[in-house]
Amino acid sequence: MTKSMKAVRDRKTDNRRISQNMEKAFKKMAQVFGYPNREYKDRVFRMLLKEPKVALEVYNAMNGTSYDNPDELIITTLENAVYLGMKNDVSFILGTQLVLYEH
């Protein structure tokens, strides 16, 4: 077996292990917090985060950053877009980073 074939096999094994660990973590979280309520409405969440100032405050709080100019934030939320069965709730670009929030 060549080095490249071994590297591919090792990567597949690592990816499988990561996937299994994520599935276990999700099941544990679901036991503690319960499963998501798909009937819960997210209108207020989307309405608030459409405002660049509020979106910037949320981003700073979640990432431990201190951006202070909402004009640097570009809202990129797609209206009525569905990706992998989930609706695109809120997205924006800040600096070189695309940020997606799903309620």
PDB file of N, CA and C in Angstrom:
ATOM      1  N   MET A   1       0.854  -1.180   0.000  1.00  0.00           N
ATOM      2  CA  MET A   1       0.000   0.000   0.000  1.00  0.00           C
ATOM      3  C   MET A   1       0.895   1.238   0.000  1.00  0.00           C
ATOM      4  N   THR A   2       0.602   2.166  -0.888  1.00  0.00           N
ATOM      5  CA  THR A   2       1.409   3.376  -0.975  1.00  0.00           C
ATOM      6  C   THR A   2       1.057   4.336   0.158  1.00  0.00           C
ATOM      7  N   LYS A   3       1.922   5.342   0.352  1.00  0.00           N
ATOM      8  CA  LYS A   3       1.678   6.329   1.404  1.00  0.00           C
ATOM      9  C   LYS A   3       0.389   7.107   1.160  1.00  0.00           C
ATOM     10  N   SER A   4       0.134   7.454  -0.115  1.00  0.00           N
ATOM     11  CA  SER A   4      -1.073   8.229  -0.408  1.00  0.00           C
ATOM     12  C   SER A   4      -2.337   7.405  -0.166  1.00  0.00           C
ATOM     13  N   MET A   5      -2.288   6.102  -0.482  1.00  0.00           N
ATOM     14  CA  MET A   5      -3.457   5.245  -0.230  1.00  0.00           C
ATOM     15  C   MET A   5      -3.690   5.115   1.273  1.00  0.00           C
ATOM     16  N   LYS A   6      -2.608   4.989   2.028  1.00  0.00           N
ATOM     17  CA  LYS A   6      -2.723   4.895   3.487  1.00  0.00           C
ATOM     18  C   LYS A   6      -3.280   6.200   4.058  1.00  0.00           C
ATOM     19  N   ALA A   7      -2.842   7.337   3.529  1.00  0.00           N
ATOM     20  CA  ALA A   7      -3.327   8.639   4.006  1.00  0.00           C
ATOM     21  C   ALA A   7      -4.819   8.786   3.750  1.00  0.00           C
ATOM     22  N   VAL A   8      -5.283   8.355   2.578  1.00  0.00           N
ATOM     23  CA  VAL A   8      -6.713   8.416   2.250  1.00  0.00           C
ATOM     24  C   VAL A   8      -7.506   7.529   3.196  1.00  0.00           C
ATOM     25  N   ARG A   9      -7.014   6.301   3.435  1.00  0.00           N
ATOM     26  CA  ARG A   9      -7.695   5.377   4.350  1.00  0.00           C
ATOM     27  C   ARG A   9      -7.756   5.960   5.763  1.00  0.00           C
ATOM     28  N   ASP A  10      -6.640   6.543   6.205  1.00  0.00           N
ATOM     29  CA  ASP A  10      -6.598   7.136   7.543  1.00  0.00           C
ATOM     30  C   ASP A  10      -7.570   8.307   7.660  1.00  0.00           C
ATOM     31  N   ARG A  11      -7.657   9.132   6.607  1.00  0.00           N
ATOM     32  CA  ARG A  11      -8.578  10.259   6.611  1.00  0.00           C
ATOM     33  C   ARG A  11     -10.024   9.782   6.689  1.00  0.00           C
ATOM     34  N   LYS A  12     -10.353   8.740   5.938  1.00  0.00           N
ATOM     35  CA  LYS A  12     -11.716   8.189   5.978  1.00  0.00           C
ATOM     36  C   LYS A  12     -12.030   7.659   7.367  1.00  0.00           C
ATOM     37  N   THR A  13     -11.054   6.988   7.971  1.00  0.00           N
ATOM     38  CA  THR A  13     -11.247   6.460   9.322  1.00  0.00           C
ATOM     39  C   THR A  13     -11.454   7.604  10.310  1.00  0.00           C
ATOM     40  N   ASP A  14     -10.656   8.664  10.189  1.00  0.00           N
ATOM     41  CA  ASP A  14     -10.797   9.825  11.068  1.00  0.00           C
ATOM     42  C   ASP A  14     -12.163  10.480  10.889  1.00  0.00           C
ATOM     43  N   ASN A  15     -12.590  10.658   9.648  1.00  0.00           N
ATOM     44  CA  ASN A  15     -13.898  11.264   9.376  1.00  0.00           C
ATOM     45  C   ASN A  15     -15.028  10.425   9.958  1.00  0.00           C
ATOM     46  N   ARG A  16     -14.920   9.107   9.831  1.00  0.00           N
ATOM     47  CA  ARG A  16     -15.948   8.210  10.390  1.00  0.00           C
ATOM     48  C   ARG A  16     -15.997   8.340  11.906  1.00  0.00           C
ATOM     49  N   ARG A  17     -14.819   8.407  12.534  1.00  0.00           N
ATOM     50  CA  ARG A  17     -14.745   8.535  13.995  1.00  0.00           C
ATOM     51  C   ARG A  17     -15.334   9.871  14.445  1.00  0.00           C
ATOM     52  N   ILE A  18     -15.024  10.935  13.735  1.00  0.00           N
ATOM     53  CA  ILE A  18     -15.563  12.260  14.066  1.00  0.00           C
ATOM     54  C   ILE A  18     -17.075  12.252  13.939  1.00  0.00           C
ATOM     55  N   SER A  19     -17.577  11.660  12.864  1.00  0.00           N
ATOM     56  CA  SER A  19     -19.024  11.584  12.649  1.00  0.00           C
ATOM     57  C   SER A  19     -19.712  10.807  13.775  1.00  0.00           C
ATOM     58  N   GLN A  20     -19.117   9.706  14.176  1.00  0.00           N
ATOM     59  CA  GLN A  20     -19.689   8.908  15.256  1.00  0.00           C
ATOM     60  C   GLN A  20     -19.678   9.681  16.572  1.00  0.00           C
ATOM     61  N   ASN A  21     -18.592  10.399  16.837  1.00  0.00           N
ATOM     62  CA  ASN A  21     -18.510  11.200  18.063  1.00  0.00           C
ATOM     63  C   ASN A  21     -19.541  12.316  18.066  1.00  0.00           C
ATOM     64  N   MET A  22     -19.737  12.956  16.911  1.00  0.00           N
ATOM     65  CA  MET A  22     -20.740  14.019  16.827  1.00  0.00           C
ATOM     66  C   MET A  22     -22.136  13.460  17.054  1.00  0.00           C
ATOM     67  N   GLU A  23     -22.406  12.296  16.502  1.00  0.00           N
ATOM     68  CA  GLU A  23     -23.722  11.677  16.694  1.00  0.00           C
ATOM     69  C   GLU A  23     -23.954  11.347  18.171  1.00  0.00           C
ATOM     70  N   LYS A  24     -22.939  10.812  18.837  1.00  0.00           N
ATOM     71  CA  LYS A  24     -23.054  10.521  20.269  1.00  0.00           C
ATOM     72  C   LYS A  24     -23.289  11.798  21.065  1.00  0.00           C
ATOM     73  N   ALA A  25     -22.551  12.863  20.710  1.00  0.00           N
ATOM     74  CA  ALA A  25     -22.706  14.138  21.423  1.00  0.00           C
ATOM     75  C   ALA A  25     -24.112  14.688  21.232  1.00  0.00           C
ATOM     76  N   PHE A  26     -24.645  14.591  20.010  1.00  0.00           N
ATOM     77  CA  PHE A  26     -26.002  15.077  19.762  1.00  0.00           C
ATOM     78  C   PHE A  26     -27.016  14.292  20.587  1.00  0.00           C
ATOM     79  N   LYS A  27     -26.855  12.983  20.653  1.00  0.00           N
ATOM     80  CA  LYS A  27     -27.793  12.162  21.427  1.00  0.00           C
ATOM     81  C   LYS A  27     -27.742  12.519  22.908  1.00  0.00           C
ATOM     82  N   LYS A  28     -26.540  12.778  23.421  1.00  0.00           N
ATOM     83  CA  LYS A  28     -26.413  13.175  24.827  1.00  0.00           C
ATOM     84  C   LYS A  28     -27.080  14.527  25.066  1.00  0.00           C
ATOM     85  N   MET A  29     -26.847  15.480  24.146  1.00  0.00           N
ATOM     86  CA  MET A  29     -27.467  16.799  24.285  1.00  0.00           C
ATOM     87  C   MET A  29     -28.987  16.685  24.217  1.00  0.00           C
ATOM     88  N   ALA A  30     -29.491  15.829  23.337  1.00  0.00           N
ATOM     89  CA  ALA A  30     -30.934  15.647  23.209  1.00  0.00           C
ATOM     90  C   ALA A  30     -31.516  15.057  24.488  1.00  0.00           C
ATOM     91  N   GLN A  31     -30.766  14.161  25.156  1.00  0.00           N
ATOM     92  CA  GLN A  31     -31.236  13.597  26.419  1.00  0.00           C
ATOM     93  C   GLN A  31     -31.330  14.677  27.492  1.00  0.00           C
ATOM     94  N   VAL A  32     -30.364  15.586  27.502  1.00  0.00           N
ATOM     95  CA  VAL A  32     -30.327  16.630  28.523  1.00  0.00           C
ATOM     96  C   VAL A  32     -31.330  17.742  28.215  1.00  0.00           C
ATOM     97  N   PHE A  33     -31.298  18.253  26.980  1.00  0.00           N
ATOM     98  CA  PHE A  33     -32.087  19.424  26.618  1.00  0.00           C
ATOM     99  C   PHE A  33     -33.386  19.094  25.888  1.00  0.00           C
ATOM    100  N   GLY A  34     -33.534  17.876  25.434  1.00  0.00           N
ATOM    101  CA  GLY A  34     -34.696  17.512  24.633  1.00  0.00           C
ATOM    102  C   GLY A  34     -34.437  17.781  23.161  1.00  0.00           C
ATOM    103  N   TYR A  35     -35.304  17.262  22.336  1.00  0.00           N
ATOM    104  CA  TYR A  35     -35.155  17.455  20.892  1.00  0.00           C
ATOM    105  C   TYR A  35     -35.729  18.806  20.497  1.00  0.00           C
ATOM    106  N   PRO A  36     -35.228  19.388  19.395  1.00  0.00           N
ATOM    107  CA  PRO A  36     -35.726  20.696  18.974  1.00  0.00           C
ATOM    108  C   PRO A  36     -37.206  20.661  18.652  1.00  0.00           C
ATOM    109  N   ASN A  37     -37.890  21.711  19.031  1.00  0.00           N
ATOM    110  CA  ASN A  37     -39.305  21.844  18.717  1.00  0.00           C
ATOM    111  C   ASN A  37     -39.421  22.518  17.354  1.00  0.00           C
ATOM    112  N   ARG A  38     -39.737  21.751  16.329  1.00  0.00           N
ATOM    113  CA  ARG A  38     -39.780  22.274  14.961  1.00  0.00           C
ATOM    114  C   ARG A  38     -40.975  23.199  14.740  1.00  0.00           C
ATOM    115  N   GLU A  39     -41.904  23.232  15.666  1.00  0.00           N
ATOM    116  CA  GLU A  39     -43.074  24.090  15.535  1.00  0.00           C
ATOM    117  C   GLU A  39     -42.830  25.483  16.124  1.00  0.00           C
ATOM    118  N   TYR A  40     -41.710  25.665  16.824  1.00  0.00           N
ATOM    119  CA  TYR A  40     -41.396  26.942  17.453  1.00  0.00           C
ATOM    120  C   TYR A  40     -41.090  27.973  16.371  1.00  0.00           C
ATOM    121  N   LYS A  41     -41.653  29.129  16.492  1.00  0.00           N
ATOM    122  CA  LYS A  41     -41.483  30.167  15.477  1.00  0.00           C
ATOM    123  C   LYS A  41     -40.217  30.981  15.746  1.00  0.00           C
ATOM    124  N   ASP A  42     -39.538  31.342  14.680  1.00  0.00           N
ATOM    125  CA  ASP A  42     -38.290  32.072  14.814  1.00  0.00           C
ATOM    126  C   ASP A  42     -38.378  33.487  14.248  1.00  0.00           C
ATOM    127  N   ARG A  43     -39.567  34.010  14.117  1.00  0.00           N
ATOM    128  CA  ARG A  43     -39.751  35.330  13.496  1.00  0.00           C
ATOM    129  C   ARG A  43     -39.043  36.445  14.257  1.00  0.00           C
ATOM    130  N   VAL A  44     -39.132  36.429  15.579  1.00  0.00           N
ATOM    131  CA  VAL A  44     -38.509  37.491  16.378  1.00  0.00           C
ATOM    132  C   VAL A  44     -36.982  37.422  16.228  1.00  0.00           C
ATOM    133  N   PHE A  45     -36.443  36.221  16.267  1.00  0.00           N
ATOM    134  CA  PHE A  45     -35.004  36.020  16.086  1.00  0.00           C
ATOM    135  C   PHE A  45     -34.549  36.610  14.750  1.00  0.00           C
ATOM    136  N   ARG A  46     -35.236  36.271  13.683  1.00  0.00           N
ATOM    137  CA  ARG A  46     -34.868  36.773  12.352  1.00  0.00           C
ATOM    138  C   ARG A  46     -35.067  38.282  12.251  1.00  0.00           C
ATOM    139  N   MET A  47     -36.160  38.789  12.842  1.00  0.00           N
ATOM    140  CA  MET A  47     -36.451  40.217  12.780  1.00  0.00           C
ATOM    141  C   MET A  47     -35.346  41.026  13.480  1.00  0.00           C
ATOM    142  N   LEU A  48     -34.933  40.579  14.664  1.00  0.00           N
ATOM    143  CA  LEU A  48     -33.904  41.300  15.413  1.00  0.00           C
ATOM    144  C   LEU A  48     -32.557  41.274  14.702  1.00  0.00           C
ATOM    145  N   LEU A  49     -32.185  40.112  14.177  1.00  0.00           N
ATOM    146  CA  LEU A  49     -30.865  39.994  13.579  1.00  0.00           C
ATOM    147  C   LEU A  49     -30.789  40.536  12.155  1.00  0.00           C
ATOM    148  N   LYS A  50     -31.872  41.084  11.649  1.00  0.00           N
ATOM    149  CA  LYS A  50     -31.802  41.783  10.364  1.00  0.00           C
ATOM    150  C   LYS A  50     -31.199  43.169  10.544  1.00  0.00           C
ATOM    151  N   GLU A  51     -31.178  43.646  11.783  1.00  0.00           N
ATOM    152  CA  GLU A  51     -30.585  44.943  12.095  1.00  0.00           C
ATOM    153  C   GLU A  51     -29.079  44.757  12.292  1.00  0.00           C
ATOM    154  N   PRO A  52     -28.241  45.418  11.490  1.00  0.00           N
ATOM    155  CA  PRO A  52     -26.791  45.236  11.610  1.00  0.00           C
ATOM    156  C   PRO A  52     -26.245  45.496  13.012  1.00  0.00           C
ATOM    157  N   LYS A  53     -26.792  46.498  13.712  1.00  0.00           N
ATOM    158  CA  LYS A  53     -26.290  46.809  15.056  1.00  0.00           C
ATOM    159  C   LYS A  53     -26.534  45.640  16.009  1.00  0.00           C
ATOM    160  N   VAL A  54     -27.723  45.056  15.960  1.00  0.00           N
ATOM    161  CA  VAL A  54     -28.059  43.928  16.833  1.00  0.00           C
ATOM    162  C   VAL A  54     -27.242  42.699  16.434  1.00  0.00           C
ATOM    163  N   ALA A  55     -27.133  42.450  15.135  1.00  0.00           N
ATOM    164  CA  ALA A  55     -26.356  41.298  14.659  1.00  0.00           C
ATOM    165  C   ALA A  55     -24.901  41.410  15.119  1.00  0.00           C
ATOM    166  N   LEU A  56     -24.358  42.623  15.081  1.00  0.00           N
ATOM    167  CA  LEU A  56     -22.983  42.830  15.518  1.00  0.00           C
ATOM    168  C   LEU A  56     -22.837  42.580  17.018  1.00  0.00           C
ATOM    169  N   GLU A  57     -23.813  43.002  17.800  1.00  0.00           N
ATOM    170  CA  GLU A  57     -23.778  42.755  19.250  1.00  0.00           C
ATOM    171  C   GLU A  57     -23.817  41.255  19.544  1.00  0.00           C
ATOM    172  N   VAL A  58     -24.671  40.535  18.837  1.00  0.00           N
ATOM    173  CA  VAL A  58     -24.772  39.080  19.037  1.00  0.00           C
ATOM    174  C   VAL A  58     -23.458  38.416  18.640  1.00  0.00           C
ATOM    175  N   TYR A  59     -22.907  38.820  17.496  1.00  0.00           N
ATOM    176  CA  TYR A  59     -21.636  38.250  17.037  1.00  0.00           C
ATOM    177  C   TYR A  59     -20.534  38.495  18.066  1.00  0.00           C
ATOM    178  N   ASN A  60     -20.431  39.720  18.550  1.00  0.00           N
ATOM    179  CA  ASN A  60     -19.407  40.037  19.557  1.00  0.00           C
ATOM    180  C   ASN A  60     -19.584  39.202  20.822  1.00  0.00           C
ATOM    181  N   ALA A  61     -20.822  39.051  21.261  1.00  0.00           N
ATOM    182  CA  ALA A  61     -21.091  38.279  22.483  1.00  0.00           C
ATOM    183  C   ALA A  61     -20.734  36.808  22.297  1.00  0.00           C
ATOM    184  N   MET A  62     -21.021  36.266  21.140  1.00  0.00           N
ATOM    185  CA  MET A  62     -20.782  34.837  20.908  1.00  0.00           C
ATOM    186  C   MET A  62     -19.324  34.517  20.599  1.00  0.00           C
ATOM    187  N   ASN A  63     -18.570  35.497  20.122  1.00  0.00           N
ATOM    188  CA  ASN A  63     -17.198  35.233  19.695  1.00  0.00           C
ATOM    189  C   ASN A  63     -16.140  35.946  20.528  1.00  0.00           C
ATOM    190  N   GLY A  64     -16.553  36.694  21.532  1.00  0.00           N
ATOM    191  CA  GLY A  64     -15.590  37.385  22.382  1.00  0.00           C
ATOM    192  C   GLY A  64     -14.807  38.456  21.633  1.00  0.00           C
ATOM    193  N   THR A  65     -15.439  39.067  20.645  1.00  0.00           N
ATOM    194  CA  THR A  65     -14.785  40.121  19.862  1.00  0.00           C
ATOM    195  C   THR A  65     -15.339  41.479  20.276  1.00  0.00           C
ATOM    196  N   SER A  66     -14.794  42.535  19.688  1.00  0.00           N
ATOM    197  CA  SER A  66     -15.259  43.877  20.058  1.00  0.00           C
ATOM    198  C   SER A  66     -15.400  44.773  18.829  1.00  0.00           C
ATOM    199  N   TYR A  67     -16.007  44.238  17.772  1.00  0.00           N
ATOM    200  CA  TYR A  67     -16.296  45.071  16.601  1.00  0.00           C
ATOM    201  C   TYR A  67     -17.281  46.154  17.030  1.00  0.00           C
ATOM    202  N   ASP A  68     -17.105  47.372  16.502  1.00  0.00           N
ATOM    203  CA  ASP A  68     -17.995  48.447  16.932  1.00  0.00           C
ATOM    204  C   ASP A  68     -18.619  49.222  15.780  1.00  0.00           C
ATOM    205  N   ASN A  69     -18.341  48.848  14.531  1.00  0.00           N
ATOM    206  CA  ASN A  69     -18.898  49.568  13.395  1.00  0.00           C
ATOM    207  C   ASN A  69     -19.876  48.677  12.623  1.00  0.00           C
ATOM    208  N   PRO A  70     -21.189  48.885  12.820  1.00  0.00           N
ATOM    209  CA  PRO A  70     -22.168  48.046  12.123  1.00  0.00           C
ATOM    210  C   PRO A  70     -22.121  48.201  10.604  1.00  0.00           C
ATOM    211  N   ASP A  71     -21.477  49.262  10.105  1.00  0.00           N
ATOM    212  CA  ASP A  71     -21.369  49.444   8.657  1.00  0.00           C
ATOM    213  C   ASP A  71     -20.434  48.415   8.020  1.00  0.00           C
ATOM    214  N   GLU A  72     -19.577  47.763   8.824  1.00  0.00           N
ATOM    215  CA  GLU A  72     -18.683  46.720   8.319  1.00  0.00           C
ATOM    216  C   GLU A  72     -19.416  45.406   8.089  1.00  0.00           C
ATOM    217  N   LEU A  73     -20.623  45.298   8.580  1.00  0.00           N
ATOM    218  CA  LEU A  73     -21.400  44.066   8.510  1.00  0.00           C
ATOM    219  C   LEU A  73     -22.337  44.124   7.302  1.00  0.00           C
ATOM    220  N   ILE A  74     -22.325  43.091   6.478  1.00  0.00           N
ATOM    221  CA  ILE A  74     -23.181  43.026   5.289  1.00  0.00           C
ATOM    222  C   ILE A  74     -24.175  41.880   5.477  1.00  0.00           C
ATOM    223  N   ILE A  75     -25.454  42.198   5.579  1.00  0.00           N
ATOM    224  CA  ILE A  75     -26.492  41.175   5.732  1.00  0.00           C
ATOM    225  C   ILE A  75     -26.606  40.409   4.412  1.00  0.00           C
ATOM    226  N   THR A  76     -26.533  39.068   4.489  1.00  0.00           N
ATOM    227  CA  THR A  76     -26.601  38.232   3.288  1.00  0.00           C
ATOM    228  C   THR A  76     -27.674  37.159   3.399  1.00  0.00           C
ATOM    229  N   THR A  77     -28.634  37.342   4.283  1.00  0.00           N
ATOM    230  CA  THR A  77     -29.696  36.361   4.469  1.00  0.00           C
ATOM    231  C   THR A  77     -30.483  36.188   3.180  1.00  0.00           C
ATOM    232  N   LEU A  78     -30.689  34.947   2.780  1.00  0.00           N
ATOM    233  CA  LEU A  78     -31.483  34.646   1.593  1.00  0.00           C
ATOM    234  C   LEU A  78     -32.929  34.440   2.016  1.00  0.00           C
ATOM    235  N   GLU A  79     -33.827  35.189   1.457  1.00  0.00           N
ATOM    236  CA  GLU A  79     -35.239  35.035   1.799  1.00  0.00           C
ATOM    237  C   GLU A  79     -35.792  33.774   1.142  1.00  0.00           C
ATOM    238  N   ASN A  80     -36.534  32.993   1.904  1.00  0.00           N
ATOM    239  CA  ASN A  80     -37.193  31.775   1.423  1.00  0.00           C
ATOM    240  C   ASN A  80     -36.227  30.766   0.824  1.00  0.00           C
ATOM    241  N   ALA A  81     -34.992  30.707   1.322  1.00  0.00           N
ATOM    242  CA  ALA A  81     -34.028  29.730   0.829  1.00  0.00           C
ATOM    243  C   ALA A  81     -33.976  28.551   1.794  1.00  0.00           C
ATOM    244  N   VAL A  82     -33.925  27.363   1.251  1.00  0.00           N
ATOM    245  CA  VAL A  82     -33.835  26.164   2.067  1.00  0.00           C
ATOM    246  C   VAL A  82     -32.555  25.433   1.671  1.00  0.00           C
ATOM    247  N   TYR A  83     -31.750  25.078   2.683  1.00  0.00           N
ATOM    248  CA  TYR A  83     -30.504  24.384   2.441  1.00  0.00           C
ATOM    249  C   TYR A  83     -30.485  23.137   3.307  1.00  0.00           C
ATOM    250  N   LEU A  84     -30.414  21.982   2.690  1.00  0.00           N
ATOM    251  CA  LEU A  84     -30.399  20.701   3.390  1.00  0.00           C
ATOM    252  C   LEU A  84     -31.565  20.570   4.366  1.00  0.00           C
ATOM    253  N   GLY A  85     -32.712  21.042   3.959  1.00  0.00           N
ATOM    254  CA  GLY A  85     -33.903  20.900   4.787  1.00  0.00           C
ATOM    255  C   GLY A  85     -34.032  21.932   5.887  1.00  0.00           C
ATOM    256  N   MET A  86     -33.082  22.881   5.993  1.00  0.00           N
ATOM    257  CA  MET A  86     -33.162  23.926   7.007  1.00  0.00           C
ATOM    258  C   MET A  86     -33.278  25.274   6.312  1.00  0.00           C
ATOM    259  N   LYS A  87     -34.057  26.141   6.874  1.00  0.00           N
ATOM    260  CA  LYS A  87     -34.196  27.474   6.312  1.00  0.00           C
ATOM    261  C   LYS A  87     -33.016  28.333   6.750  1.00  0.00           C
ATOM    262  N   ASN A  88     -32.555  29.166   5.855  1.00  0.00           N
ATOM    263  CA  ASN A  88     -31.464  30.081   6.148  1.00  0.00           C
ATOM    264  C   ASN A  88     -32.034  31.226   6.979  1.00  0.00           C
ATOM    265  N   ASP A  89     -31.899  31.179   8.302  1.00  0.00           N
ATOM    266  CA  ASP A  89     -32.495  32.189   9.169  1.00  0.00           C
ATOM    267  C   ASP A  89     -31.784  33.529   9.065  1.00  0.00           C
ATOM    268  N   VAL A  90     -30.495  33.551   9.362  1.00  0.00           N
ATOM    269  CA  VAL A  90     -29.753  34.806   9.362  1.00  0.00           C
ATOM    270  C   VAL A  90     -28.333  34.523   8.881  1.00  0.00           C
ATOM    271  N   SER A  91     -27.852  35.356   7.978  1.00  0.00           N
ATOM    272  CA  SER A  91     -26.450  35.256   7.584  1.00  0.00           C
ATOM    273  C   SER A  91     -25.927  36.649   7.271  1.00  0.00           C
ATOM    274  N   PHE A  92     -24.634  36.820   7.532  1.00  0.00           N
ATOM    275  CA  PHE A  92     -24.003  38.092   7.211  1.00  0.00           C
ATOM    276  C   PHE A  92     -22.512  37.888   7.045  1.00  0.00           C
ATOM    277  N   ILE A  93     -21.879  38.869   6.431  1.00  0.00           N
ATOM    278  CA  ILE A  93     -20.431  38.852   6.246  1.00  0.00           C
ATOM    279  C   ILE A  93     -19.847  39.932   7.137  1.00  0.00           C
ATOM    280  N   LEU A  94     -18.806  39.556   7.869  1.00  0.00           N
ATOM    281  CA  LEU A  94     -18.094  40.504   8.719  1.00  0.00           C
ATOM    282  C   LEU A  94     -16.609  40.276   8.486  1.00  0.00           C
ATOM    283  N   GLY A  95     -15.949  41.262   7.920  1.00  0.00           N
ATOM    284  CA  GLY A  95     -14.547  41.090   7.545  1.00  0.00           C
ATOM    285  C   GLY A  95     -14.448  40.081   6.416  1.00  0.00           C
ATOM    286  N   THR A  96     -13.745  38.992   6.648  1.00  0.00           N
ATOM    287  CA  THR A  96     -13.611  37.937   5.636  1.00  0.00           C
ATOM    288  C   THR A  96     -14.394  36.691   6.022  1.00  0.00           C
ATOM    289  N   GLN A  97     -15.284  36.805   6.979  1.00  0.00           N
ATOM    290  CA  GLN A  97     -15.988  35.645   7.503  1.00  0.00           C
ATOM    291  C   GLN A  97     -17.474  35.692   7.178  1.00  0.00           C
ATOM    292  N   LEU A  98     -17.999  34.579   6.662  1.00  0.00           N
ATOM    293  CA  LEU A  98     -19.433  34.430   6.455  1.00  0.00           C
ATOM    294  C   LEU A  98     -20.009  33.786   7.706  1.00  0.00           C
ATOM    295  N   VAL A  99     -20.988  34.434   8.322  1.00  0.00           N
ATOM    296  CA  VAL A  99     -21.578  33.969   9.577  1.00  0.00           C
ATOM    297  C   VAL A  99     -23.007  33.535   9.307  1.00  0.00           C
ATOM    298  N   LEU A 100     -23.365  32.318   9.737  1.00  0.00           N
ATOM    299  CA  LEU A 100     -24.721  31.793   9.579  1.00  0.00           C
ATOM    300  C   LEU A 100     -25.283  31.466  10.950  1.00  0.00           C
ATOM    301  N   TYR A 101     -26.480  31.957  11.229  1.00  0.00           N
ATOM    302  CA  TYR A 101     -27.160  31.614  12.483  1.00  0.00           C
ATOM    303  C   TYR A 101     -28.461  30.925  12.146  1.00  0.00           C
ATOM    304  N   GLU A 102     -28.681  29.792  12.747  1.00  0.00           N
ATOM    305  CA  GLU A 102     -29.908  29.040  12.562  1.00  0.00           C
ATOM    306  C   GLU A 102     -30.602  28.974  13.910  1.00  0.00           C
ATOM    307  N   HIS A 103     -31.854  29.377  13.961  1.00  0.00           N
ATOM    308  CA  HIS A 103     -32.592  29.401  15.221  1.00  0.00           C
ATOM    309  C   HIS A 103     -32.930  27.997  15.636  1.00  0.00           C
TER     310      HIS A 103
END
